[in-house]
C-alpha atoms as a PDB file:
ATOM      1  CA  UNK A   1     -30.699  -4.674   3.229  1.00  0.00           C
ATOM      2  CA  UNK A   2     -27.796  -5.546   5.409  1.00  0.00           C
ATOM      3  CA  UNK A   3     -28.617  -8.212   7.812  1.00  0.00           C
ATOM      4  CA  UNK A   4     -27.203  -8.325  11.379  1.00  0.00           C
ATOM      5  CA  UNK A   5     -24.816 -11.107  10.536  1.00  0.00           C
ATOM      6  CA  UNK A   6     -23.563  -9.270   7.341  1.00  0.00           C
ATOM      7  CA  UNK A   7     -22.984  -6.030   9.392  1.00  0.00           C
ATOM      8  CA  UNK A   8     -21.201  -7.960  12.107  1.00  0.00           C
ATOM      9  CA  UNK A   9     -18.930  -9.664   9.518  1.00  0.00           C
ATOM     10  CA  UNK A  10     -18.150  -6.292   7.807  1.00  0.00           C
ATOM     11  CA  UNK A  11     -17.265  -4.602  11.062  1.00  0.00           C
ATOM     12  CA  UNK A  12     -15.085  -7.491  12.257  1.00  0.00           C
ATOM     13  CA  UNK A  13     -12.963  -7.233   9.182  1.00  0.00           C
ATOM     14  CA  UNK A  14     -11.705  -3.951  10.477  1.00  0.00           C
ATOM     15  CA  UNK A  15      -9.491  -6.022  12.766  1.00  0.00           C
ATOM     16  CA  UNK A  16      -6.402  -7.647  11.277  1.00  0.00           C
ATOM     17  CA  UNK A  17      -7.088 -10.946  13.255  1.00  0.00           C
ATOM     18  CA  UNK A  18     -10.380 -11.385  11.603  1.00  0.00           C
ATOM     19  CA  UNK A  19      -8.967 -10.510   8.160  1.00  0.00           C
ATOM     20  CA  UNK A  20      -6.207 -13.199   8.543  1.00  0.00           C
ATOM     21  CA  UNK A  21      -8.958 -15.664   9.958  1.00  0.00           C
ATOM     22  CA  UNK A  22     -11.318 -15.178   6.950  1.00  0.00           C
ATOM     23  CA  UNK A  23      -8.624 -14.256   4.437  1.00  0.00           C
ATOM     24  CA  UNK A  24     -10.812 -11.452   3.357  1.00  0.00           C
ATOM     25  CA  UNK A  25     -10.879  -7.594   3.503  1.00  0.00           C
ATOM     26  CA  UNK A  26     -13.288  -4.648   2.938  1.00  0.00           C
ATOM     27  CA  UNK A  27     -13.107  -2.222   0.078  1.00  0.00           C
ATOM     28  CA  UNK A  28     -15.193   0.934  -0.110  1.00  0.00           C
ATOM     29  CA  UNK A  29     -15.962   3.307  -2.934  1.00  0.00           C
ATOM     30  CA  UNK A  30     -16.913   2.966  -6.689  1.00  0.00           C
ATOM     31  CA  UNK A  31     -13.447   3.459  -8.099  1.00  0.00           C
ATOM     32  CA  UNK A  32     -11.541   1.042  -5.607  1.00  0.00           C
ATOM     33  CA  UNK A  33     -14.197  -1.667  -5.899  1.00  0.00           C
ATOM     34  CA  UNK A  34     -14.328  -1.496  -9.714  1.00  0.00           C
ATOM     35  CA  UNK A  35     -10.475  -1.697  -9.903  1.00  0.00           C
ATOM     36  CA  UNK A  36     -10.688  -4.910  -7.816  1.00  0.00           C
ATOM     37  CA  UNK A  37     -13.540  -6.300  -9.867  1.00  0.00           C
ATOM     38  CA  UNK A  38     -11.485  -5.816 -12.951  1.00  0.00           C
ATOM     39  CA  UNK A  39      -8.488  -7.641 -11.349  1.00  0.00           C
ATOM     40  CA  UNK A  40      -7.939 -11.343 -10.186  1.00  0.00           C
ATOM     41  CA  UNK A  41      -9.299 -10.483  -6.785  1.00  0.00           C
ATOM     42  CA  UNK A  42     -12.282 -12.680  -5.966  1.00  0.00           C
ATOM     43  CA  UNK A  43     -15.536 -10.884  -4.809  1.00  0.00           C
ATOM     44  CA  UNK A  44     -17.185 -12.227  -1.563  1.00  0.00           C
ATOM     45  CA  UNK A  45     -20.002  -9.715  -1.164  1.00  0.00           C
ATOM     46  CA  UNK A  46     -21.059  -6.386  -2.554  1.00  0.00           C
ATOM     47  CA  UNK A  47     -23.586  -3.824  -1.312  1.00  0.00           C
ATOM     48  CA  UNK A  48     -24.494  -0.727  -3.301  1.00  0.00           C
ATOM     49  CA  UNK A  49     -26.991   2.194  -2.738  1.00  0.00           C
ATOM     50  CA  UNK A  50     -30.026   1.440  -4.759  1.00  0.00           C
ATOM     51  CA  UNK A  51     -30.084   4.677  -6.608  1.00  0.00           C
ATOM     52  CA  UNK A  52     -26.423   4.859  -7.299  1.00  0.00           C
ATOM     53  CA  UNK A  53     -25.339   4.918 -11.027  1.00  0.00           C
ATOM     54  CA  UNK A  54     -22.886   2.141 -10.058  1.00  0.00           C
ATOM     55  CA  UNK A  55     -25.764  -0.237  -9.392  1.00  0.00           C
ATOM     56  CA  UNK A  56     -26.873   0.037 -13.062  1.00  0.00           C
ATOM     57  CA  UNK A  57     -23.306  -0.427 -14.103  1.00  0.00           C
ATOM     58  CA  UNK A  58     -23.028  -3.612 -12.064  1.00  0.00           C
ATOM     59  CA  UNK A  59     -26.220  -4.925 -13.579  1.00  0.00           C
ATOM     60  CA  UNK A  60     -24.896  -4.367 -17.073  1.00  0.00           C
ATOM     61  CA  UNK A  61     -21.826  -6.494 -16.122  1.00  0.00           C
ATOM     62  CA  UNK A  62     -24.008  -9.263 -14.534  1.00  0.00           C
ATOM     63  CA  UNK A  63     -22.262  -8.945 -11.150  1.00  0.00           C
ATOM     64  CA  UNK A  64     -24.302  -9.956  -8.201  1.00  0.00           C
ATOM     65  CA  UNK A  65     -24.842  -7.281  -5.478  1.00  0.00           C
ATOM     66  CA  UNK A  66     -27.426  -6.295  -2.757  1.00  0.00           C
ATOM     67  CA  UNK A  67     -29.015  -2.847  -2.605  1.00  0.00           C
ATOM     68  CA  UNK A  68     -28.874  -0.910   0.636  1.00  0.00           C
ATOM     69  CA  UNK A  69     -29.566   2.511   1.863  1.00  0.00           C
ATOM     70  CA  UNK A  70     -27.074   5.236   2.603  1.00  0.00           C
ATOM     71  CA  UNK A  71     -27.857   4.906   6.385  1.00  0.00           C
ATOM     72  CA  UNK A  72     -27.018   1.230   6.310  1.00  0.00           C
ATOM     73  CA  UNK A  73     -23.648   1.917   4.645  1.00  0.00           C
ATOM     74  CA  UNK A  74     -23.021   4.731   7.043  1.00  0.00           C
ATOM     75  CA  UNK A  75     -23.297   2.412   9.936  1.00  0.00           C
ATOM     76  CA  UNK A  76     -20.521  -0.056   8.746  1.00  0.00           C
ATOM     77  CA  UNK A  77     -18.153   2.356   6.977  1.00  0.00           C
ATOM     78  CA  UNK A  78     -14.466   2.488   8.140  1.00  0.00           C
ATOM     79  CA  UNK A  79     -14.100   5.906   6.395  1.00  0.00           C
ATOM     80  CA  UNK A  80     -14.795   9.476   7.685  1.00  0.00           C
ATOM     81  CA  UNK A  81     -17.323   9.807   4.828  1.00  0.00           C
ATOM     82  CA  UNK A  82     -19.329   6.679   3.785  1.00  0.00           C
ATOM     83  CA  UNK A  83     -19.168   5.839   0.149  1.00  0.00           C
ATOM     84  CA  UNK A  84     -22.085   4.496  -2.151  1.00  0.00           C
ATOM     85  CA  UNK A  85     -20.784   1.040  -2.294  1.00  0.00           C
ATOM     86  CA  UNK A  86     -18.864  -1.428   0.046  1.00  0.00           C
ATOM     87  CA  UNK A  87     -17.532  -4.835  -0.911  1.00  0.00           C
ATOM     88  CA  UNK A  88     -15.682  -7.833   0.681  1.00  0.00           C
ATOM     89  CA  UNK A  89     -12.948  -9.490  -1.369  1.00  0.00           C
ATOM     90  CA  UNK A  90     -10.827 -12.605  -0.609  1.00  0.00           C
ATOM     91  CA  UNK A  91      -7.155 -12.006   0.077  1.00  0.00           C
ATOM     92  CA  UNK A  92      -5.091 -13.670  -2.710  1.00  0.00           C
ATOM     93  CA  UNK A  93      -2.509 -16.327  -1.955  1.00  0.00           C
ATOM     94  CA  UNK A  94       1.037 -15.108  -1.779  1.00  0.00           C
ATOM     95  CA  UNK A  95       3.174 -15.210  -4.872  1.00  0.00           C
ATOM     96  CA  UNK A  96       6.770 -16.091  -5.041  1.00  0.00           C
ATOM     97  CA  UNK A  97       9.251 -13.244  -5.116  1.00  0.00           C
ATOM     98  CA  UNK A  98      11.188 -12.277  -8.277  1.00  0.00           C
ATOM     99  CA  UNK A  99      14.066 -10.659  -6.438  1.00  0.00           C
ATOM    100  CA  UNK A 100      14.945  -8.625  -9.510  1.00  0.00           C
ATOM    101  CA  UNK A 101      14.787  -5.036 -10.640  1.00  0.00           C
ATOM    102  CA  UNK A 102      13.995  -2.357  -8.075  1.00  0.00           C
ATOM    103  CA  UNK A 103      12.189  -3.563  -4.890  1.00  0.00           C
ATOM    104  CA  UNK A 104      10.815  -1.194  -2.224  1.00  0.00           C
ATOM    105  CA  UNK A 105      11.095  -2.195   1.440  1.00  0.00           C
ATOM    106  CA  UNK A 106       9.251  -0.562   4.313  1.00  0.00           C
ATOM    107  CA  UNK A 107      10.601  -0.745   7.847  1.00  0.00           C
ATOM    108  CA  UNK A 108       7.756  -0.225  10.298  1.00  0.00           C
ATOM    109  CA  UNK A 109       5.583   2.152   8.442  1.00  0.00           C
ATOM    110  CA  UNK A 110       2.562   2.582  10.808  1.00  0.00           C
ATOM    111  CA  UNK A 111       0.206   5.103   9.217  1.00  0.00           C
ATOM    112  CA  UNK A 112      -2.466   3.706   6.859  1.00  0.00           C
ATOM    113  CA  UNK A 113      -2.508   6.811   4.649  1.00  0.00           C
ATOM    114  CA  UNK A 114       1.272   6.674   4.141  1.00  0.00           C
ATOM    115  CA  UNK A 115       1.171   3.027   3.131  1.00  0.00           C
ATOM    116  CA  UNK A 116      -1.732   3.462   0.792  1.00  0.00           C
ATOM    117  CA  UNK A 117       0.062   6.342  -0.823  1.00  0.00           C
ATOM    118  CA  UNK A 118       3.310   4.389  -1.100  1.00  0.00           C
ATOM    119  CA  UNK A 119       1.445   1.540  -2.822  1.00  0.00           C
ATOM    120  CA  UNK A 120       0.055   4.051  -5.419  1.00  0.00           C
ATOM    121  CA  UNK A 121       3.592   5.327  -5.969  1.00  0.00           C
ATOM    122  CA  UNK A 122       4.840   1.786  -6.553  1.00  0.00           C
ATOM    123  CA  UNK A 123       2.146   1.431  -9.084  1.00  0.00           C
ATOM    124  CA  UNK A 124       2.999   4.823 -10.742  1.00  0.00           C
ATOM    125  CA  UNK A 125       6.770   4.090 -10.870  1.00  0.00           C
ATOM    126  CA  UNK A 126       6.322   0.569 -11.918  1.00  0.00           C
ATOM    127  CA  UNK A 127       7.574  -1.060  -8.678  1.00  0.00           C
ATOM    128  CA  UNK A 128       5.967  -4.465  -8.828  1.00  0.00           C
ATOM    129  CA  UNK A 129       7.202  -5.853  -5.508  1.00  0.00           C
ATOM    130  CA  UNK A 130       6.920  -4.147  -2.087  1.00  0.00           C
ATOM    131  CA  UNK A 131       8.253  -5.974   1.042  1.00  0.00           C
ATOM    132  CA  UNK A 132       7.122  -4.848   4.357  1.00  0.00           C
ATOM    133  CA  UNK A 133       8.364  -5.548   7.848  1.00  0.00           C
ATOM    134  CA  UNK A 134       5.914  -7.473  10.124  1.00  0.00           C
ATOM    135  CA  UNK A 135       5.348  -4.292  12.017  1.00  0.00           C
ATOM    136  CA  UNK A 136       4.253  -2.332   9.107  1.00  0.00           C
ATOM    137  CA  UNK A 137       0.424  -1.594   8.954  1.00  0.00           C
ATOM    138  CA  UNK A 138      -1.569  -4.371   7.088  1.00  0.00           C
ATOM    139  CA  UNK A 139      -2.016  -3.493   3.517  1.00  0.00           C
ATOM    140  CA  UNK A 140      -5.659  -4.899   3.808  1.00  0.00           C
ATOM    141  CA  UNK A 141      -6.656  -2.405   6.502  1.00  0.00           C
ATOM    142  CA  UNK A 142      -9.789  -0.672   5.105  1.00  0.00           C
ATOM    143  CA  UNK A 143      -8.098   2.826   5.211  1.00  0.00           C
ATOM    144  CA  UNK A 144      -5.008   1.452   3.368  1.00  0.00           C
ATOM    145  CA  UNK A 145      -7.249  -0.092   0.747  1.00  0.00           C
ATOM    146  CA  UNK A 146      -9.048   3.125   0.206  1.00  0.00           C
ATOM    147  CA  UNK A 147      -5.924   5.059  -0.044  1.00  0.00           C
ATOM    148  CA  UNK A 148      -4.479   2.925  -2.664  1.00  0.00           C
ATOM    149  CA  UNK A 149      -7.355   3.893  -4.944  1.00  0.00           C
ATOM    150  CA  UNK A 150      -6.978   0.464  -6.847  1.00  0.00           C
ATOM    151  CA  UNK A 151      -3.135   0.235  -7.098  1.00  0.00           C
ATOM    152  CA  UNK A 152      -3.416  -2.648  -4.527  1.00  0.00           C
ATOM    153  CA  UNK A 153      -4.417  -4.878  -7.516  1.00  0.00           C
ATOM    154  CA  UNK A 154      -0.985  -4.091  -9.425  1.00  0.00           C
ATOM    155  CA  UNK A 155       1.528  -4.359  -6.619  1.00  0.00           C
ATOM    156  CA  UNK A 156       2.758  -7.578  -5.018  1.00  0.00           C
ATOM    157  CA  UNK A 157       2.880  -6.983  -1.255  1.00  0.00           C
ATOM    158  CA  UNK A 158       4.504  -9.338   1.297  1.00  0.00           C
ATOM    159  CA  UNK A 159       5.433  -9.094   5.014  1.00  0.00           C
ATOM    160  CA  UNK A 160       8.842 -10.487   5.893  1.00  0.00           C
ATOM    161  CA  UNK A 161      11.374 -10.712   8.609  1.00  0.00           C
ATOM    162  CA  UNK A 162      13.558  -7.931   7.099  1.00  0.00           C
ATOM    163  CA  UNK A 163      16.733  -9.133   8.712  1.00  0.00           C
ATOM    164  CA  UNK A 164      16.407 -12.519   6.993  1.00  0.00           C
ATOM    165  CA  UNK A 165      15.270 -11.075   3.742  1.00  0.00           C
ATOM    166  CA  UNK A 166      17.903  -8.377   3.333  1.00  0.00           C
ATOM    167  CA  UNK A 167      20.665 -10.804   4.536  1.00  0.00           C
ATOM    168  CA  UNK A 168      19.831 -13.179   1.748  1.00  0.00           C
ATOM    169  CA  UNK A 169      19.898 -10.408  -0.969  1.00  0.00           C
ATOM    170  CA  UNK A 170      22.577 -10.089  -3.500  1.00  0.00           C
ATOM    171  CA  UNK A 171      21.385  -6.716  -4.809  1.00  0.00           C
ATOM    172  CA  UNK A 172      22.771  -3.536  -3.224  1.00  0.00           C
ATOM    173  CA  UNK A 173      20.514  -2.102  -0.416  1.00  0.00           C
ATOM    174  CA  UNK A 174      19.975   1.619  -0.392  1.00  0.00           C
ATOM    175  CA  UNK A 175      18.460   3.463   2.702  1.00  0.00           C
ATOM    176  CA  UNK A 176      17.644   7.058   3.353  1.00  0.00           C
ATOM    177  CA  UNK A 177      19.380   8.924   6.126  1.00  0.00           C
ATOM    178  CA  UNK A 178      19.957  12.571   7.081  1.00  0.00           C
ATOM    179  CA  UNK A 179      23.725  12.163   6.546  1.00  0.00           C
ATOM    180  CA  UNK A 180      23.456  10.072   3.309  1.00  0.00           C
ATOM    181  CA  UNK A 181      24.973  10.832   0.061  1.00  0.00           C
ATOM    182  CA  UNK A 182      23.136  13.411  -2.093  1.00  0.00           C
ATOM    183  CA  UNK A 183      20.554  11.446  -4.074  1.00  0.00           C
ATOM    184  CA  UNK A 184      20.613  14.086  -6.888  1.00  0.00           C
ATOM    185  CA  UNK A 185      24.340  13.447  -7.434  1.00  0.00           C
ATOM    186  CA  UNK A 186      24.130   9.576  -7.062  1.00  0.00           C
ATOM    187  CA  UNK A 187      24.315   7.103  -9.982  1.00  0.00           C
ATOM    188  CA  UNK A 188      21.536   4.709  -9.040  1.00  0.00           C
ATOM    189  CA  UNK A 189      21.355   1.285 -10.411  1.00  0.00           C
ATOM    190  CA  UNK A 190      18.295  -0.723 -12.067  1.00  0.00           C
ATOM    191  CA  UNK A 191      18.882  -3.619  -9.903  1.00  0.00           C
ATOM    192  CA  UNK A 192      18.492  -2.648  -6.157  1.00  0.00           C
ATOM    193  CA  UNK A 193      16.527  -2.569  -2.920  1.00  0.00           C
ATOM    194  CA  UNK A 194      15.344   0.707  -1.427  1.00  0.00           C
ATOM    195  CA  UNK A 195      14.570   0.718   2.316  1.00  0.00           C
ATOM    196  CA  UNK A 196      12.330   3.516   3.695  1.00  0.00           C
ATOM    197  CA  UNK A 197      11.811   3.759   7.539  1.00  0.00           C
ATOM    198  CA  UNK A 198       9.361   4.558  10.248  1.00  0.00           C
ATOM    199  CA  UNK A 199       7.582   7.919  10.292  1.00  0.00           C
ATOM    200  CA  UNK A 200       9.046   9.097  13.513  1.00  0.00           C
ATOM    201  CA  UNK A 201      12.334   7.007  13.896  1.00  0.00           C
ATOM    202  CA  UNK A 202      13.455   6.289  10.381  1.00  0.00           C
ATOM    203  CA  UNK A 203      15.204   3.062   9.657  1.00  0.00           C
ATOM    204  CA  UNK A 204      15.859   0.975  12.752  1.00  0.00           C
ATOM    205  CA  UNK A 205      19.450   0.181  13.776  1.00  0.00           C
ATOM    206  CA  UNK A 206      19.212  -3.437  13.001  1.00  0.00           C
ATOM    207  CA  UNK A 207      18.110  -2.779   9.406  1.00  0.00           C
ATOM    208  CA  UNK A 208      20.501   0.171   9.059  1.00  0.00           C
ATOM    209  CA  UNK A 209      23.460  -2.412   9.550  1.00  0.00           C
ATOM    210  CA  UNK A 210      22.345  -4.207   6.423  1.00  0.00           C
ATOM    211  CA  UNK A 211      22.135  -0.967   4.301  1.00  0.00           C
ATOM    212  CA  UNK A 212      25.056  -0.930   1.905  1.00  0.00           C
ATOM    213  CA  UNK A 213      24.487   2.547   0.396  1.00  0.00           C
ATOM    214  CA  UNK A 214      23.330   5.546   2.491  1.00  0.00           C
ATOM    215  CA  UNK A 215      21.217   8.234   0.511  1.00  0.00           C
ATOM    216  CA  UNK A 216      20.055  11.591   1.582  1.00  0.00           C
ATOM    217  CA  UNK A 217      17.584  14.150   0.263  1.00  0.00           C
ATOM    218  CA  UNK A 218      19.260  17.558   0.633  1.00  0.00           C
ATOM    219  CA  UNK A 219      17.398  20.435   2.225  1.00  0.00           C
ATOM    220  CA  UNK A 220      17.290  23.679   0.225  1.00  0.00           C
ATOM    221  CA  UNK A 221      15.525  25.938   2.814  1.00  0.00           C
ATOM    222  CA  UNK A 222      17.833  28.787   3.876  1.00  0.00           C
ATOM    223  CA  UNK A 223      17.290  28.026   7.527  1.00  0.00           C
ATOM    224  CA  UNK A 224      17.670  24.263   7.238  1.00  0.00           C
ATOM    225  CA  UNK A 225      15.045  23.940   9.956  1.00  0.00           C
ATOM    226  CA  UNK A 226      12.773  21.131   8.690  1.00  0.00           C
ATOM    227  CA  UNK A 227      13.764  17.976  10.593  1.00  0.00           C
ATOM    228  CA  UNK A 228      12.396  15.429   8.121  1.00  0.00           C
ATOM    229  CA  UNK A 229      10.058  14.709   5.220  1.00  0.00           C
ATOM    230  CA  UNK A 230       6.841  12.570   5.364  1.00  0.00           C
ATOM    231  CA  UNK A 231       7.934   9.137   4.568  1.00  0.00           C
ATOM    232  CA  UNK A 232       5.557   8.880   1.529  1.00  0.00           C
ATOM    233  CA  UNK A 233       6.902  12.278   0.240  1.00  0.00           C
ATOM    234  CA  UNK A 234      10.479  10.993   0.693  1.00  0.00           C
ATOM    235  CA  UNK A 235       9.476   7.622  -1.184  1.00  0.00           C
ATOM    236  CA  UNK A 236       8.188   9.669  -4.150  1.00  0.00           C
ATOM    237  CA  UNK A 237      11.514  11.512  -4.439  1.00  0.00           C
ATOM    238  CA  UNK A 238      13.658   8.504  -4.131  1.00  0.00           C
ATOM    239  CA  UNK A 239      11.599   6.326  -6.634  1.00  0.00           C
ATOM    240  CA  UNK A 240      11.677   9.202  -9.071  1.00  0.00           C
ATOM    241  CA  UNK A 241      15.372   9.461  -8.795  1.00  0.00           C
ATOM    242  CA  UNK A 242      15.931   5.849  -9.168  1.00  0.00           C
ATOM    243  CA  UNK A 243      13.787   5.754 -12.291  1.00  0.00           C
ATOM    244  CA  UNK A 244      15.359   8.855 -13.765  1.00  0.00           C
ATOM    245  CA  UNK A 245      18.895   7.255 -13.415  1.00  0.00           C
ATOM    246  CA  UNK A 246      17.668   4.189 -15.267  1.00  0.00           C
ATOM    247  CA  UNK A 247      16.487   6.209 -18.304  1.00  0.00           C
ATOM    248  CA  UNK A 248      18.522   5.795 -21.463  1.00  0.00           C
ATOM    249  CA  UNK A 249      18.671   9.051 -23.570  1.00  0.00           C
END
């Protein structure tokens, strides 16, 4: 059973200020929670529907949890459809940056679904470091955590002053623009920074001034009518091209 204090705490962690204060976040769903349990993230509380198969699996792993009803989980879920399990995990301490290989930088990405998808893309393409502007949505937002489907455990994410971060970099800085060089014709290095911009406005003028190489994804539609690509879709194309260029045949 979820107590009033537990429900209040879970609900409060939907807000960034309380996540920062408690250094904790909420994860929902069996897959996401299991990925976090299998990682170095520290469990702080776990509630599972009594009849769920997950409860038996947790018992077999000797993991402490509390059983609750579906109705109780429905009252505290942050998702459109409540899951059969909900957990609180501690936010890990920040790690030092490697500043090598390919690093993805996000300039003011606001949509939780986009950020979650981009974190999954980093995991897929082996991007271990993701640097976000301070205006980018919090990676521990419950909807972001859900959208990562566990990839949050394998990507190091930090929030930085992008002006200072990029100004101190020695690697070439790539950014995506409508008038950029055709990415399919570009020779892309293994050591680089790739900047992706805001959903509506793209890369900000301040950050654009620090970009050393402008890339563009060409449109093939006969009418050339589409104004832009979704930032997560564009990120997938760019990461794929960077990885393809680095392959040795």
